[in-house]
Structures are given as C-alpha cells and as structure tokens.
Amino acid sequence: MSDSISDKLYTIRYKCDDVSHLIIKERDHCLKCVKKDCNYFCPSDVYDWDKKQKLTTVAYENCIECGTCRIACPYDNIDWVYPKGGYGITYKYG
C-alpha cells in the first residue's frame, strides 16, 4: 500500500495566517532567473511562474514548512520564516 505525495499532503492541517511567511525579496530576480527552480523544488507546489504577469506567485497556504526554498533558490531571493505562533502546519500523524 503506497501512498502518493498528494495523499500524504492531505493528512496535514494548516491554519492560515492573513500574512505570508514566504516573501519574494526582489521580483526582478525572478525575471532574470532562467530555470525558475522554485517551481520544481517545492514538494507542495507553493511557487508558480505566471507567464502573463511575469511574476512568481506564492501560495503560502500550501507550505509544509520543510525549508527547501530557503536554500534552493539560486538567488537567495526567498525570505522564509516560521509562521507566527498558532499558525502554520499541524501534522495528524507523528
């Protein structure tokens, strides 16, 4: 019995704050970035490149607080902090 990543992500609960704990520091860096790595390294699809608006969107509500974006952005352009107390991820198991 193998659970998919989507199945496992379904087992977590997120209490969403009104303010994002994930900030793109300089939007211009996203324009220069050729590979758009953030669209691929996040396991919960928080980051997405909007081709029409030419910007990276951040769906912080999906964040599982793994911290990958802290180290994986080649421009160090993502400011990642834990959500303030009482908000963020809650795991059902473990």
PDB file of N, CA and C in Angstrom:
ATOM      1  N   MET A   1       0.851  -1.181   0.000  1.00  0.00           N
ATOM      2  CA  MET A   1       0.000   0.000   0.000  1.00  0.00           C
ATOM      3  C   MET A   1       0.895   1.242   0.000  1.00  0.00           C
ATOM      4  N   SER A   2       1.054   1.843  -1.140  1.00  0.00           N
ATOM      5  CA  SER A   2       1.909   3.006  -1.284  1.00  0.00           C
ATOM      6  C   SER A   2       1.054   4.260  -1.445  1.00  0.00           C
ATOM      7  N   ASP A   3       1.246   5.206  -0.534  1.00  0.00           N
ATOM      8  CA  ASP A   3       0.516   6.469  -0.620  1.00  0.00           C
ATOM      9  C   ASP A   3       1.265   7.429  -1.518  1.00  0.00           C
ATOM     10  N   SER A   4       0.529   8.180  -2.322  1.00  0.00           N
ATOM     11  CA  SER A   4       1.156   9.193  -3.158  1.00  0.00           C
ATOM     12  C   SER A   4       1.465  10.421  -2.297  1.00  0.00           C
ATOM     13  N   ILE A   5       2.271  11.308  -2.841  1.00  0.00           N
ATOM     14  CA  ILE A   5       2.580  12.543  -2.106  1.00  0.00           C
ATOM     15  C   ILE A   5       1.309  13.337  -1.850  1.00  0.00           C
ATOM     16  N   SER A   6       0.416  13.357  -2.825  1.00  0.00           N
ATOM     17  CA  SER A   6      -0.853  14.068  -2.652  1.00  0.00           C
ATOM     18  C   SER A   6      -1.652  13.497  -1.490  1.00  0.00           C
ATOM     19  N   ASP A   7      -1.659  12.157  -1.361  1.00  0.00           N
ATOM     20  CA  ASP A   7      -2.361  11.516  -0.248  1.00  0.00           C
ATOM     21  C   ASP A   7      -1.747  11.920   1.089  1.00  0.00           C
ATOM     22  N   LYS A   8      -0.413  11.961   1.132  1.00  0.00           N
ATOM     23  CA  LYS A   8       0.264  12.321   2.369  1.00  0.00           C
ATOM     24  C   LYS A   8       0.061  13.791   2.720  1.00  0.00           C
ATOM     25  N   LEU A   9       0.063  14.663   1.717  1.00  0.00           N
ATOM     26  CA  LEU A   9      -0.188  16.084   1.977  1.00  0.00           C
ATOM     27  C   LEU A   9      -1.600  16.308   2.507  1.00  0.00           C
ATOM     28  N   TYR A  10      -2.526  15.426   2.140  1.00  0.00           N
ATOM     29  CA  TYR A  10      -3.897  15.538   2.602  1.00  0.00           C
ATOM     30  C   TYR A  10      -4.015  15.284   4.108  1.00  0.00           C
ATOM     31  N   THR A  11      -3.034  14.604   4.706  1.00  0.00           N
ATOM     32  CA  THR A  11      -3.107  14.260   6.125  1.00  0.00           C
ATOM     33  C   THR A  11      -2.643  15.390   7.043  1.00  0.00           C
ATOM     34  N   ILE A  12      -2.272  16.542   6.497  1.00  0.00           N
ATOM     35  CA  ILE A  12      -1.831  17.651   7.329  1.00  0.00           C
ATOM     36  C   ILE A  12      -2.899  18.743   7.382  1.00  0.00           C
ATOM     37  N   ARG A  13      -2.812  19.540   8.409  1.00  0.00           N
ATOM     38  CA  ARG A  13      -3.750  20.646   8.573  1.00  0.00           C
ATOM     39  C   ARG A  13      -2.941  21.930   8.632  1.00  0.00           C
ATOM     40  N   TYR A  14      -3.465  22.965   8.039  1.00  0.00           N
ATOM     41  CA  TYR A  14      -2.768  24.243   8.008  1.00  0.00           C
ATOM     42  C   TYR A  14      -3.709  25.328   8.478  1.00  0.00           C
ATOM     43  N   LYS A  15      -3.315  26.031   9.521  1.00  0.00           N
ATOM     44  CA  LYS A  15      -4.080  27.184   9.975  1.00  0.00           C
ATOM     45  C   LYS A  15      -3.437  28.408   9.340  1.00  0.00           C
ATOM     46  N   CYS A  16      -4.146  28.979   8.406  1.00  0.00           N
ATOM     47  CA  CYS A  16      -3.590  30.029   7.559  1.00  0.00           C
ATOM     48  C   CYS A  16      -3.676  31.403   8.219  1.00  0.00           C
ATOM     49  N   ASP A  17      -2.553  32.097   8.203  1.00  0.00           N
ATOM     50  CA  ASP A  17      -2.476  33.475   8.655  1.00  0.00           C
ATOM     51  C   ASP A  17      -2.891  34.383   7.496  1.00  0.00           C
ATOM     52  N   ASP A  18      -3.207  35.632   7.785  1.00  0.00           N
ATOM     53  CA  ASP A  18      -3.543  36.589   6.734  1.00  0.00           C
ATOM     54  C   ASP A  18      -2.300  37.122   6.027  1.00  0.00           C
ATOM     55  N   VAL A  19      -1.135  36.927   6.645  1.00  0.00           N
ATOM     56  CA  VAL A  19       0.116  37.439   6.116  1.00  0.00           C
ATOM     57  C   VAL A  19       1.032  36.267   5.775  1.00  0.00           C
ATOM     58  N   SER A  20       1.621  36.319   4.587  1.00  0.00           N
ATOM     59  CA  SER A  20       2.505  35.250   4.143  1.00  0.00           C
ATOM     60  C   SER A  20       3.798  35.229   4.950  1.00  0.00           C
ATOM     61  N   HIS A  21       4.271  34.040   5.260  1.00  0.00           N
ATOM     62  CA  HIS A  21       5.577  33.878   5.904  1.00  0.00           C
ATOM     63  C   HIS A  21       6.664  33.624   4.862  1.00  0.00           C
ATOM     64  N   LEU A  22       6.287  33.648   3.594  1.00  0.00           N
ATOM     65  CA  LEU A  22       7.199  33.456   2.463  1.00  0.00           C
ATOM     66  C   LEU A  22       7.168  34.709   1.603  1.00  0.00           C
ATOM     67  N   ILE A  23       8.306  35.358   1.460  1.00  0.00           N
ATOM     68  CA  ILE A  23       8.364  36.620   0.725  1.00  0.00           C
ATOM     69  C   ILE A  23       9.405  36.519  -0.392  1.00  0.00           C
ATOM     70  N   ILE A  24       9.023  36.923  -1.585  1.00  0.00           N
ATOM     71  CA  ILE A  24       9.990  37.080  -2.673  1.00  0.00           C
ATOM     72  C   ILE A  24      10.654  38.440  -2.441  1.00  0.00           C
ATOM     73  N   LYS A  25      11.964  38.434  -2.183  1.00  0.00           N
ATOM     74  CA  LYS A  25      12.672  39.670  -1.815  1.00  0.00           C
ATOM     75  C   LYS A  25      12.706  40.677  -2.965  1.00  0.00           C
ATOM     76  N   GLU A  26      13.161  40.239  -4.119  1.00  0.00           N
ATOM     77  CA  GLU A  26      13.296  41.116  -5.288  1.00  0.00           C
ATOM     78  C   GLU A  26      12.613  40.463  -6.483  1.00  0.00           C
ATOM     79  N   ARG A  27      11.491  41.002  -6.894  1.00  0.00           N
ATOM     80  CA  ARG A  27      10.744  40.433  -8.022  1.00  0.00           C
ATOM     81  C   ARG A  27      11.569  40.435  -9.308  1.00  0.00           C
ATOM     82  N   ASP A  28      12.479  41.394  -9.468  1.00  0.00           N
ATOM     83  CA  ASP A  28      13.307  41.471 -10.675  1.00  0.00           C
ATOM     84  C   ASP A  28      14.209  40.250 -10.835  1.00  0.00           C
ATOM     85  N   HIS A  29      14.630  39.650  -9.723  1.00  0.00           N
ATOM     86  CA  HIS A  29      15.468  38.451  -9.807  1.00  0.00           C
ATOM     87  C   HIS A  29      14.704  37.305 -10.487  1.00  0.00           C
ATOM     88  N   CYS A  30      13.406  37.249 -10.261  1.00  0.00           N
ATOM     89  CA  CYS A  30      12.591  36.196 -10.875  1.00  0.00           C
ATOM     90  C   CYS A  30      12.558  36.352 -12.397  1.00  0.00           C
ATOM     91  N   LEU A  31      12.590  37.579 -12.865  1.00  0.00           N
ATOM     92  CA  LEU A  31      12.620  37.815 -14.312  1.00  0.00           C
ATOM     93  C   LEU A  31      13.930  37.338 -14.923  1.00  0.00           C
ATOM     94  N   LYS A  32      15.029  37.499 -14.189  1.00  0.00           N
ATOM     95  CA  LYS A  32      16.350  37.093 -14.677  1.00  0.00           C
ATOM     96  C   LYS A  32      16.576  35.582 -14.575  1.00  0.00           C
ATOM     97  N   CYS A  33      15.868  34.947 -13.686  1.00  0.00           N
ATOM     98  CA  CYS A  33      16.061  33.515 -13.442  1.00  0.00           C
ATOM     99  C   CYS A  33      15.571  32.710 -14.642  1.00  0.00           C
ATOM    100  N   VAL A  34      16.455  31.960 -15.234  1.00  0.00           N
ATOM    101  CA  VAL A  34      16.136  31.206 -16.444  1.00  0.00           C
ATOM    102  C   VAL A  34      15.388  29.915 -16.117  1.00  0.00           C
ATOM    103  N   LYS A  35      15.851  29.177 -15.121  1.00  0.00           N
ATOM    104  CA  LYS A  35      15.304  27.845 -14.831  1.00  0.00           C
ATOM    105  C   LYS A  35      14.028  27.862 -14.002  1.00  0.00           C
ATOM    106  N   LYS A  36      13.780  28.919 -13.253  1.00  0.00           N
ATOM    107  CA  LYS A  36      12.606  29.004 -12.366  1.00  0.00           C
ATOM    108  C   LYS A  36      12.560  27.796 -11.433  1.00  0.00           C
ATOM    109  N   ASP A  37      13.693  27.547 -10.765  1.00  0.00           N
ATOM    110  CA  ASP A  37      13.834  26.382  -9.888  1.00  0.00           C
ATOM    111  C   ASP A  37      12.739  26.270  -8.838  1.00  0.00           C
ATOM    112  N   CYS A  38      12.260  27.380  -8.336  1.00  0.00           N
ATOM    113  CA  CYS A  38      11.260  27.333  -7.260  1.00  0.00           C
ATOM    114  C   CYS A  38       9.974  26.636  -7.697  1.00  0.00           C
ATOM    115  N   ASN A  39       9.720  26.591  -8.988  1.00  0.00           N
ATOM    116  CA  ASN A  39       8.539  25.893  -9.481  1.00  0.00           C
ATOM    117  C   ASN A  39       8.666  24.383  -9.361  1.00  0.00           C
ATOM    118  N   TYR A  40       9.884  23.899  -9.105  1.00  0.00           N
ATOM    119  CA  TYR A  40      10.130  22.460  -9.106  1.00  0.00           C
ATOM    120  C   TYR A  40      10.607  21.902  -7.769  1.00  0.00           C
ATOM    121  N   PHE A  41      11.324  22.692  -6.951  1.00  0.00           N
ATOM    122  CA  PHE A  41      11.886  22.117  -5.731  1.00  0.00           C
ATOM    123  C   PHE A  41      10.902  22.030  -4.580  1.00  0.00           C
ATOM    124  N   CYS A  42       9.836  22.771  -4.610  1.00  0.00           N
ATOM    125  CA  CYS A  42       8.869  22.755  -3.503  1.00  0.00           C
ATOM    126  C   CYS A  42       7.948  21.536  -3.621  1.00  0.00           C
ATOM    127  N   PRO A  43       7.913  20.673  -2.604  1.00  0.00           N
ATOM    128  CA  PRO A  43       7.079  19.466  -2.690  1.00  0.00           C
ATOM    129  C   PRO A  43       5.578  19.741  -2.640  1.00  0.00           C
ATOM    130  N   SER A  44       5.185  20.940  -2.208  1.00  0.00           N
ATOM    131  CA  SER A  44       3.748  21.227  -2.120  1.00  0.00           C
ATOM    132  C   SER A  44       3.297  22.316  -3.088  1.00  0.00           C
ATOM    133  N   ASP A  45       4.072  22.554  -4.124  1.00  0.00           N
ATOM    134  CA  ASP A  45       3.703  23.472  -5.210  1.00  0.00           C
ATOM    135  C   ASP A  45       3.315  24.869  -4.735  1.00  0.00           C
ATOM    136  N   VAL A  46       4.113  25.423  -3.849  1.00  0.00           N
ATOM    137  CA  VAL A  46       3.848  26.778  -3.345  1.00  0.00           C
ATOM    138  C   VAL A  46       4.132  27.837  -4.410  1.00  0.00           C
ATOM    139  N   TYR A  47       5.177  27.617  -5.203  1.00  0.00           N
ATOM    140  CA  TYR A  47       5.625  28.630  -6.166  1.00  0.00           C
ATOM    141  C   TYR A  47       5.188  28.285  -7.576  1.00  0.00           C
ATOM    142  N   ASP A  48       4.760  29.324  -8.316  1.00  0.00           N
ATOM    143  CA  ASP A  48       4.343  29.121  -9.690  1.00  0.00           C
ATOM    144  C   ASP A  48       4.682  30.375 -10.493  1.00  0.00           C
ATOM    145  N   TRP A  49       5.251  30.180 -11.672  1.00  0.00           N
ATOM    146  CA  TRP A  49       5.596  31.293 -12.547  1.00  0.00           C
ATOM    147  C   TRP A  49       4.379  31.644 -13.401  1.00  0.00           C
ATOM    148  N   ASP A  50       3.887  32.859 -13.264  1.00  0.00           N
ATOM    149  CA  ASP A  50       2.763  33.345 -14.057  1.00  0.00           C
ATOM    150  C   ASP A  50       3.326  34.003 -15.312  1.00  0.00           C
ATOM    151  N   LYS A  51       3.182  33.346 -16.451  1.00  0.00           N
ATOM    152  CA  LYS A  51       3.774  33.837 -17.697  1.00  0.00           C
ATOM    153  C   LYS A  51       3.146  35.153 -18.160  1.00  0.00           C
ATOM    154  N   LYS A  52       1.852  35.300 -17.940  1.00  0.00           N
ATOM    155  CA  LYS A  52       1.180  36.529 -18.384  1.00  0.00           C
ATOM    156  C   LYS A  52       1.637  37.745 -17.582  1.00  0.00           C
ATOM    157  N   GLN A  53       1.662  37.598 -16.265  1.00  0.00           N
ATOM    158  CA  GLN A  53       2.036  38.728 -15.409  1.00  0.00           C
ATOM    159  C   GLN A  53       3.543  38.828 -15.199  1.00  0.00           C
ATOM    160  N   LYS A  54       4.269  37.792 -15.613  1.00  0.00           N
ATOM    161  CA  LYS A  54       5.722  37.718 -15.463  1.00  0.00           C
ATOM    162  C   LYS A  54       6.161  37.924 -14.015  1.00  0.00           C
ATOM    163  N   LEU A  55       5.582  37.089 -13.143  1.00  0.00           N
ATOM    164  CA  LEU A  55       5.965  37.096 -11.739  1.00  0.00           C
ATOM    165  C   LEU A  55       5.740  35.733 -11.128  1.00  0.00           C
ATOM    166  N   THR A  56       6.433  35.497 -10.030  1.00  0.00           N
ATOM    167  CA  THR A  56       6.274  34.252  -9.294  1.00  0.00           C
ATOM    168  C   THR A  56       5.171  34.445  -8.264  1.00  0.00           C
ATOM    169  N   THR A  57       4.162  33.586  -8.332  1.00  0.00           N
ATOM    170  CA  THR A  57       3.101  33.633  -7.332  1.00  0.00           C
ATOM    171  C   THR A  57       3.479  32.714  -6.179  1.00  0.00           C
ATOM    172  N   VAL A  58       3.027  33.057  -4.986  1.00  0.00           N
ATOM    173  CA  VAL A  58       3.358  32.297  -3.785  1.00  0.00           C
ATOM    174  C   VAL A  58       2.054  31.897  -3.087  1.00  0.00           C
ATOM    175  N   ALA A  59       1.756  30.602  -3.100  1.00  0.00           N
ATOM    176  CA  ALA A  59       0.578  30.074  -2.417  1.00  0.00           C
ATOM    177  C   ALA A  59       1.025  29.568  -1.045  1.00  0.00           C
ATOM    178  N   TYR A  60       1.329  30.503  -0.141  1.00  0.00           N
ATOM    179  CA  TYR A  60       1.887  30.139   1.162  1.00  0.00           C
ATOM    180  C   TYR A  60       0.961  29.241   1.967  1.00  0.00           C
ATOM    181  N   GLU A  61      -0.299  29.208   1.612  1.00  0.00           N
ATOM    182  CA  GLU A  61      -1.265  28.354   2.307  1.00  0.00           C
ATOM    183  C   GLU A  61      -0.942  26.877   2.131  1.00  0.00           C
ATOM    184  N   ASN A  62      -0.174  26.541   1.094  1.00  0.00           N
ATOM    185  CA  ASN A  62       0.200  25.149   0.822  1.00  0.00           C
ATOM    186  C   ASN A  62       1.499  24.738   1.507  1.00  0.00           C
ATOM    187  N   CYS A  63       2.225  25.670   2.095  1.00  0.00           N
ATOM    188  CA  CYS A  63       3.562  25.416   2.622  1.00  0.00           C
ATOM    189  C   CYS A  63       3.546  24.377   3.748  1.00  0.00           C
ATOM    190  N   ILE A  64       4.453  23.385   3.625  1.00  0.00           N
ATOM    191  CA  ILE A  64       4.573  22.371   4.675  1.00  0.00           C
ATOM    192  C   ILE A  64       5.785  22.634   5.572  1.00  0.00           C
ATOM    193  N   GLU A  65       6.363  23.822   5.446  1.00  0.00           N
ATOM    194  CA  GLU A  65       7.456  24.295   6.303  1.00  0.00           C
ATOM    195  C   GLU A  65       8.677  23.385   6.281  1.00  0.00           C
ATOM    196  N   CYS A  66       9.001  22.863   5.113  1.00  0.00           N
ATOM    197  CA  CYS A  66      10.185  21.999   5.003  1.00  0.00           C
ATOM    198  C   CYS A  66      11.468  22.820   4.912  1.00  0.00           C
ATOM    199  N   GLY A  67      11.375  24.072   4.474  1.00  0.00           N
ATOM    200  CA  GLY A  67      12.535  24.951   4.397  1.00  0.00           C
ATOM    201  C   GLY A  67      13.360  24.809   3.134  1.00  0.00           C
ATOM    202  N   THR A  68      12.919  23.992   2.197  1.00  0.00           N
ATOM    203  CA  THR A  68      13.674  23.794   0.960  1.00  0.00           C
ATOM    204  C   THR A  68      13.914  25.109   0.232  1.00  0.00           C
ATOM    205  N   CYS A  69      12.936  25.964   0.183  1.00  0.00           N
ATOM    206  CA  CYS A  69      13.075  27.218  -0.560  1.00  0.00           C
ATOM    207  C   CYS A  69      14.119  28.140   0.063  1.00  0.00           C
ATOM    208  N   ARG A  70      14.409  27.963   1.338  1.00  0.00           N
ATOM    209  CA  ARG A  70      15.449  28.769   1.999  1.00  0.00           C
ATOM    210  C   ARG A  70      16.799  28.567   1.360  1.00  0.00           C
ATOM    211  N   ILE A  71      17.061  27.355   0.917  1.00  0.00           N
ATOM    212  CA  ILE A  71      18.395  27.036   0.410  1.00  0.00           C
ATOM    213  C   ILE A  71      18.441  26.764  -1.086  1.00  0.00           C
ATOM    214  N   ALA A  72      17.308  26.501  -1.713  1.00  0.00           N
ATOM    215  CA  ALA A  72      17.332  26.063  -3.106  1.00  0.00           C
ATOM    216  C   ALA A  72      17.276  27.192  -4.131  1.00  0.00           C
ATOM    217  N   CYS A  73      16.813  28.353  -3.769  1.00  0.00           N
ATOM    218  CA  CYS A  73      16.755  29.457  -4.728  1.00  0.00           C
ATOM    219  C   CYS A  73      18.179  29.915  -5.045  1.00  0.00           C
ATOM    220  N   PRO A  74      18.568  29.879  -6.327  1.00  0.00           N
ATOM    221  CA  PRO A  74      19.943  30.239  -6.679  1.00  0.00           C
ATOM    222  C   PRO A  74      20.277  31.707  -6.402  1.00  0.00           C
ATOM    223  N   TYR A  75      19.269  32.539  -6.260  1.00  0.00           N
ATOM    224  CA  TYR A  75      19.492  33.963  -5.984  1.00  0.00           C
ATOM    225  C   TYR A  75      19.297  34.311  -4.512  1.00  0.00           C
ATOM    226  N   ASP A  76      19.003  33.296  -3.677  1.00  0.00           N
ATOM    227  CA  ASP A  76      18.703  33.540  -2.268  1.00  0.00           C
ATOM    228  C   ASP A  76      17.634  34.629  -2.160  1.00  0.00           C
ATOM    229  N   ASN A  77      16.596  34.465  -2.956  1.00  0.00           N
ATOM    230  CA  ASN A  77      15.597  35.509  -3.132  1.00  0.00           C
ATOM    231  C   ASN A  77      14.291  35.238  -2.383  1.00  0.00           C
ATOM    232  N   ILE A  78      14.259  34.187  -1.595  1.00  0.00           N
ATOM    233  CA  ILE A  78      13.046  33.865  -0.841  1.00  0.00           C
ATOM    234  C   ILE A  78      13.325  34.036   0.641  1.00  0.00           C
ATOM    235  N   ASP A  79      12.560  34.897   1.261  1.00  0.00           N
ATOM    236  CA  ASP A  79      12.674  35.118   2.707  1.00  0.00           C
ATOM    237  C   ASP A  79      11.677  34.185   3.379  1.00  0.00           C
ATOM    238  N   TRP A  80      12.196  33.186   4.082  1.00  0.00           N
ATOM    239  CA  TRP A  80      11.381  32.150   4.716  1.00  0.00           C
ATOM    240  C   TRP A  80      11.517  32.265   6.223  1.00  0.00           C
ATOM    241  N   VAL A  81      10.403  32.364   6.911  1.00  0.00           N
ATOM    242  CA  VAL A  81      10.377  32.335   8.377  1.00  0.00           C
ATOM    243  C   VAL A  81       9.232  31.419   8.794  1.00  0.00           C
ATOM    244  N   TYR A  82       9.296  30.928  10.018  1.00  0.00           N
ATOM    245  CA  TYR A  82       8.171  30.144  10.512  1.00  0.00           C
ATOM    246  C   TYR A  82       6.965  31.055  10.671  1.00  0.00           C
ATOM    247  N   PRO A  83       5.765  30.536  10.429  1.00  0.00           N
ATOM    248  CA  PRO A  83       4.565  31.331  10.688  1.00  0.00           C
ATOM    249  C   PRO A  83       4.499  31.704  12.168  1.00  0.00           C
ATOM    250  N   LYS A  84       3.843  32.805  12.459  1.00  0.00           N
ATOM    251  CA  LYS A  84       3.753  33.223  13.864  1.00  0.00           C
ATOM    252  C   LYS A  84       2.950  32.206  14.666  1.00  0.00           C
ATOM    253  N   GLY A  85       3.129  32.245  15.968  1.00  0.00           N
ATOM    254  CA  GLY A  85       2.531  31.274  16.876  1.00  0.00           C
ATOM    255  C   GLY A  85       1.059  31.009  16.639  1.00  0.00           C
ATOM    256  N   GLY A  86       0.704  29.736  16.618  1.00  0.00           N
ATOM    257  CA  GLY A  86      -0.685  29.332  16.422  1.00  0.00           C
ATOM    258  C   GLY A  86      -1.062  29.127  14.964  1.00  0.00           C
ATOM    259  N   TYR A  87      -0.183  29.536  14.055  1.00  0.00           N
ATOM    260  CA  TYR A  87      -0.460  29.382  12.631  1.00  0.00           C
ATOM    261  C   TYR A  87       0.538  28.402  12.020  1.00  0.00           C
ATOM    262  N   GLY A  88       0.215  27.934  10.837  1.00  0.00           N
ATOM    263  CA  GLY A  88       1.118  27.042  10.128  1.00  0.00           C
ATOM    264  C   GLY A  88       0.622  25.621  10.110  1.00  0.00           C
ATOM    265  N   ILE A  89       1.564  24.709  10.010  1.00  0.00           N
ATOM    266  CA  ILE A  89       1.286  23.308   9.761  1.00  0.00           C
ATOM    267  C   ILE A  89       1.036  22.521  11.051  1.00  0.00           C
ATOM    268  N   THR A  90       0.115  21.586  10.982  1.00  0.00           N
ATOM    269  CA  THR A  90      -0.102  20.631  12.062  1.00  0.00           C
ATOM    270  C   THR A  90      -0.202  19.253  11.421  1.00  0.00           C
ATOM    271  N   TYR A  91       0.649  18.354  11.853  1.00  0.00           N
ATOM    272  CA  TYR A  91       0.658  17.003  11.304  1.00  0.00           C
ATOM    273  C   TYR A  91      -0.281  16.119  12.121  1.00  0.00           C
ATOM    274  N   LYS A  92      -1.077  15.300  11.451  1.00  0.00           N
ATOM    275  CA  LYS A  92      -2.010  14.400  12.131  1.00  0.00           C
ATOM    276  C   LYS A  92      -1.301  13.189  12.712  1.00  0.00           C
ATOM    277  N   TYR A  93      -0.269  12.725  12.016  1.00  0.00           N
ATOM    278  CA  TYR A  93       0.441  11.532  12.455  1.00  0.00           C
ATOM    279  C   TYR A  93       1.917  11.863  12.646  1.00  0.00           C
ATOM    280  N   GLY A  94       2.416  11.683  13.845  1.00  0.00           N
ATOM    281  CA  GLY A  94       3.845  11.864  14.091  1.00  0.00           C
ATOM    282  C   GLY A  94       4.309  13.180  14.394  1.00  0.00           C
TER     283      GLY A  94
END
